[in-house]
């Protein structure tokens, strides 16, 4: 289902109208909905470890590199995220507890097998360096929750025919309560409806 259908559903309940377009419209209401849409989408993307947004990434070791670039669409690790080493079926990399421990490891503190990992300076850092021919693997949540009519997924809505990768009902309900909140209208019931739907959808995901 498209952004247009979700936004039209919200519009009918909010103002009793069904606009034919949003992203190409200069109408005040359409502008407000478009402005809110990406905030709602981002909040939903970060509300749960959605399977549809979960991706798998592999790092190839060269024996010397410690800091590796994250995927371009990376948003965060899973809540119970782990870093695996393909050549060790029963052992994972251990997360460094804090920056002090990480510094100690780099300064020569003995390391468990196969090593430690930490997210630092916008990179996945692994110590000791991943050997040549080996690797590190992890699942992550992609920030790209929107699918255009053609091309790769993206992080934000920009067109009426964009598709939300998560449930369209959540987008509609999110737009409703956020718009009413922005207008300083009563929105408590709308927020409750949104939160109930989010809890049900994420619980079943």
Protein backbone atom coordinates (compact mmCIF):
# COMPACT_ATOMS: atom_id res chain seq x y z
CA UNK A 1 0.00 0.00 0.00
CA UNK A 2 1.20 3.50 -0.80
CA UNK A 3 1.82 6.62 1.23
CA UNK A 4 -1.12 8.18 -0.61
CA UNK A 5 -3.61 5.60 0.64
CA UNK A 6 -2.37 5.88 4.24
CA UNK A 7 -2.45 9.69 4.15
CA UNK A 8 -5.90 9.73 2.53
CA UNK A 9 -7.23 7.48 5.28
CA UNK A 10 -5.86 9.87 7.89
CA UNK A 11 -7.27 12.89 6.03
CA UNK A 12 -10.79 11.47 5.93
CA UNK A 13 -10.79 11.06 9.71
CA UNK A 14 -9.13 14.40 10.39
CA UNK A 15 -10.77 16.86 7.98
CA UNK A 16 -13.39 14.82 6.13
CA UNK A 17 -11.58 15.12 2.82
CA UNK A 18 -9.73 12.75 0.51
CA UNK A 19 -6.94 14.71 -1.21
CA UNK A 20 -5.83 13.31 -4.55
CA UNK A 21 -2.18 14.24 -3.91
CA UNK A 22 0.10 15.26 -1.05
CA UNK A 23 3.73 15.59 -2.09
CA UNK A 24 2.92 17.66 -5.17
CA UNK A 25 0.28 19.76 -3.42
CA UNK A 26 0.67 23.26 -1.98
CA UNK A 27 -2.41 22.86 0.22
CA UNK A 28 -1.68 23.65 3.88
CA UNK A 29 -3.10 20.38 5.18
CA UNK A 30 -1.12 18.32 2.66
CA UNK A 31 2.07 20.17 3.60
CA UNK A 32 1.46 19.46 7.26
CA UNK A 33 0.87 15.75 6.65
CA UNK A 34 4.03 15.44 4.55
CA UNK A 35 6.03 17.26 7.20
CA UNK A 36 4.82 14.84 9.88
CA UNK A 37 5.05 11.68 7.80
CA UNK A 38 8.79 11.10 7.99
CA UNK A 39 8.84 11.76 11.74
CA UNK A 40 6.11 9.15 12.19
CA UNK A 41 7.91 6.70 9.92
CA UNK A 42 11.23 7.16 11.73
CA UNK A 43 9.62 6.69 15.13
CA UNK A 44 7.92 3.52 13.95
CA UNK A 45 11.14 2.20 12.44
CA UNK A 46 12.84 2.60 15.82
CA UNK A 47 9.95 1.26 17.91
CA UNK A 48 10.82 -2.42 17.44
CA UNK A 49 13.30 -4.81 15.85
CA UNK A 50 11.10 -5.33 12.81
CA UNK A 51 11.98 -8.41 10.77
CA UNK A 52 11.24 -6.66 7.48
CA UNK A 53 13.95 -4.10 8.33
CA UNK A 54 16.45 -6.64 9.68
CA UNK A 55 19.51 -7.20 7.49
CA UNK A 56 22.68 -9.29 7.69
CA UNK A 57 26.13 -7.82 7.13
CA UNK A 58 29.49 -9.50 6.67
CA UNK A 59 32.90 -7.95 7.32
CA UNK A 60 35.91 -9.47 5.59
CA UNK A 61 39.11 -9.45 7.60
CA UNK A 62 42.53 -8.43 6.29
CA UNK A 63 44.58 -9.14 9.40
CA UNK A 64 45.14 -5.48 10.28
CA UNK A 65 41.94 -3.43 10.05
CA UNK A 66 40.16 -2.85 13.35
CA UNK A 67 37.51 -0.23 12.42
CA UNK A 68 35.02 -1.08 9.68
CA UNK A 69 32.41 1.10 7.98
CA UNK A 70 28.82 0.31 8.84
CA UNK A 71 26.32 -0.39 6.03
CA UNK A 72 25.00 2.76 4.34
CA UNK A 73 21.46 2.04 5.57
CA UNK A 74 22.51 1.13 9.14
CA UNK A 75 20.38 2.51 11.96
CA UNK A 76 21.19 0.33 14.96
CA UNK A 77 22.03 -3.12 16.24
CA UNK A 78 19.21 -5.38 17.36
CA UNK A 79 18.36 -5.19 21.07
CA UNK A 80 19.89 -8.64 21.50
CA UNK A 81 22.41 -8.07 18.76
CA UNK A 82 25.56 -10.16 18.53
CA UNK A 83 28.63 -10.24 16.30
CA UNK A 84 29.48 -13.67 14.91
CA UNK A 85 32.67 -15.13 13.50
CA UNK A 86 31.93 -17.59 10.68
CA UNK A 87 34.82 -19.87 11.57
CA UNK A 88 33.66 -20.24 15.20
CA UNK A 89 30.31 -21.99 15.39
CA UNK A 90 30.04 -21.92 19.17
CA UNK A 91 31.70 -18.58 20.02
CA UNK A 92 30.68 -14.99 19.35
CA UNK A 93 32.68 -11.82 19.66
CA UNK A 94 32.10 -10.34 23.12
CA UNK A 95 30.82 -6.78 23.43
CA UNK A 96 33.23 -4.44 25.21
CA UNK A 97 31.58 -3.29 28.44
CA UNK A 98 32.72 0.31 28.14
CA UNK A 99 35.40 2.59 26.69
CA UNK A 100 37.78 1.88 29.57
CA UNK A 101 37.75 -1.84 28.81
CA UNK A 102 38.15 -1.15 25.10
CA UNK A 103 41.19 1.06 25.80
CA UNK A 104 42.67 -1.62 28.03
CA UNK A 105 42.22 -4.20 25.28
CA UNK A 106 44.01 -2.02 22.74
CA UNK A 107 46.79 -1.51 25.28
CA UNK A 108 47.39 -5.23 25.67
CA UNK A 109 44.84 -6.60 28.11
CA UNK A 110 44.30 -10.30 27.33
CA UNK A 111 41.32 -10.91 25.04
CA UNK A 112 38.83 -13.74 25.00
CA UNK A 113 38.48 -15.84 21.87
CA UNK A 114 37.67 -14.79 19.20
CA UNK A 115 37.76 -11.16 20.45
CA UNK A 116 35.72 -8.08 21.33
CA UNK A 117 33.59 -5.58 19.46
CA UNK A 118 32.34 -2.06 20.07
CA UNK A 119 30.51 0.64 18.11
CA UNK A 120 32.76 3.67 18.18
CA UNK A 121 33.28 6.72 15.94
CA UNK A 122 30.46 5.55 13.71
CA UNK A 123 32.21 2.26 12.92
CA UNK A 124 32.13 -1.38 13.93
CA UNK A 125 35.44 -1.93 15.72
CA UNK A 126 36.79 -5.42 16.42
CA UNK A 127 39.82 -6.46 18.44
CA UNK A 128 42.03 -8.31 17.73
CA UNK A 129 41.94 -7.55 14.01
CA UNK A 130 39.93 -10.06 12.00
CA UNK A 131 42.36 -12.49 10.30
CA UNK A 132 42.76 -12.72 6.55
CA UNK A 133 40.22 -15.13 5.10
CA UNK A 134 37.96 -14.83 8.13
CA UNK A 135 35.18 -12.41 8.93
CA UNK A 136 32.65 -10.94 11.32
CA UNK A 137 28.89 -10.97 10.79
CA UNK A 138 25.95 -9.25 12.46
CA UNK A 139 22.28 -8.46 12.03
CA UNK A 140 21.20 -4.83 12.09
CA UNK A 141 18.10 -2.70 11.63
CA UNK A 142 17.99 -0.72 8.39
CA UNK A 143 16.79 2.86 8.46
CA UNK A 144 15.35 2.39 4.96
CA UNK A 145 11.67 1.83 5.72
CA UNK A 146 10.35 3.27 2.43
CA UNK A 147 10.21 1.62 -1.00
CA UNK A 148 9.87 3.88 -4.06
CA UNK A 149 8.01 2.73 -7.15
CA UNK A 150 11.38 2.04 -8.76
CA UNK A 151 14.85 1.70 -7.31
CA UNK A 152 16.27 0.84 -3.92
CA UNK A 153 14.71 1.41 -0.53
CA UNK A 154 15.20 4.76 1.18
CA UNK A 155 14.80 6.35 4.60
CA UNK A 156 12.17 9.01 3.83
CA UNK A 157 8.94 9.53 1.92
CA UNK A 158 9.25 11.87 -1.05
CA UNK A 159 6.35 10.83 -3.29
CA UNK A 160 2.73 9.72 -3.04
CA UNK A 161 3.47 6.35 -4.64
CA UNK A 162 6.17 5.47 -2.10
CA UNK A 163 5.37 2.35 -0.08
CA UNK A 164 5.85 2.02 3.67
CA UNK A 165 7.58 -1.27 4.49
CA UNK A 166 5.88 -1.44 7.88
CA UNK A 167 2.14 -1.67 8.45
CA UNK A 168 0.16 1.08 6.72
CA UNK A 169 -2.36 1.26 9.58
CA UNK A 170 0.41 2.31 11.95
CA UNK A 171 1.36 5.14 9.60
CA UNK A 172 -2.26 6.30 9.37
CA UNK A 173 -2.82 6.21 13.13
CA UNK A 174 0.52 7.90 13.74
CA UNK A 175 -0.37 10.73 11.38
CA UNK A 176 -3.75 11.20 13.08
CA UNK A 177 -2.52 11.65 16.64
CA UNK A 178 0.56 13.64 15.67
CA UNK A 179 -1.48 16.09 13.55
CA UNK A 180 -4.01 16.64 16.33
CA UNK A 181 -1.21 17.09 18.85
CA UNK A 182 0.43 19.66 16.56
CA UNK A 183 -2.86 21.56 16.32
CA UNK A 184 -3.20 21.47 20.13
CA UNK A 185 -6.38 19.42 19.83
CA UNK A 186 -7.43 16.52 22.06
CA UNK A 187 -5.47 13.47 20.93
CA UNK A 188 -5.29 11.15 23.95
CA UNK A 189 -7.67 8.55 22.49
CA UNK A 190 -5.92 8.67 19.12
CA UNK A 191 -2.58 8.09 20.83
CA UNK A 192 -4.01 5.13 22.74
CA UNK A 193 -5.35 3.64 19.50
CA UNK A 194 -1.92 4.05 17.93
CA UNK A 195 -0.09 2.53 20.90
CA UNK A 196 -2.43 -0.49 21.06
CA UNK A 197 -1.94 -1.16 17.35
CA UNK A 198 1.82 -0.75 17.65
CA UNK A 199 1.97 -3.16 20.59
CA UNK A 200 -0.08 -5.76 18.72
CA UNK A 201 1.81 -5.47 15.45
CA UNK A 202 5.27 -5.49 17.03
CA UNK A 203 4.32 -8.34 19.34
CA UNK A 204 3.33 -10.51 16.39
CA UNK A 205 6.25 -9.51 14.17
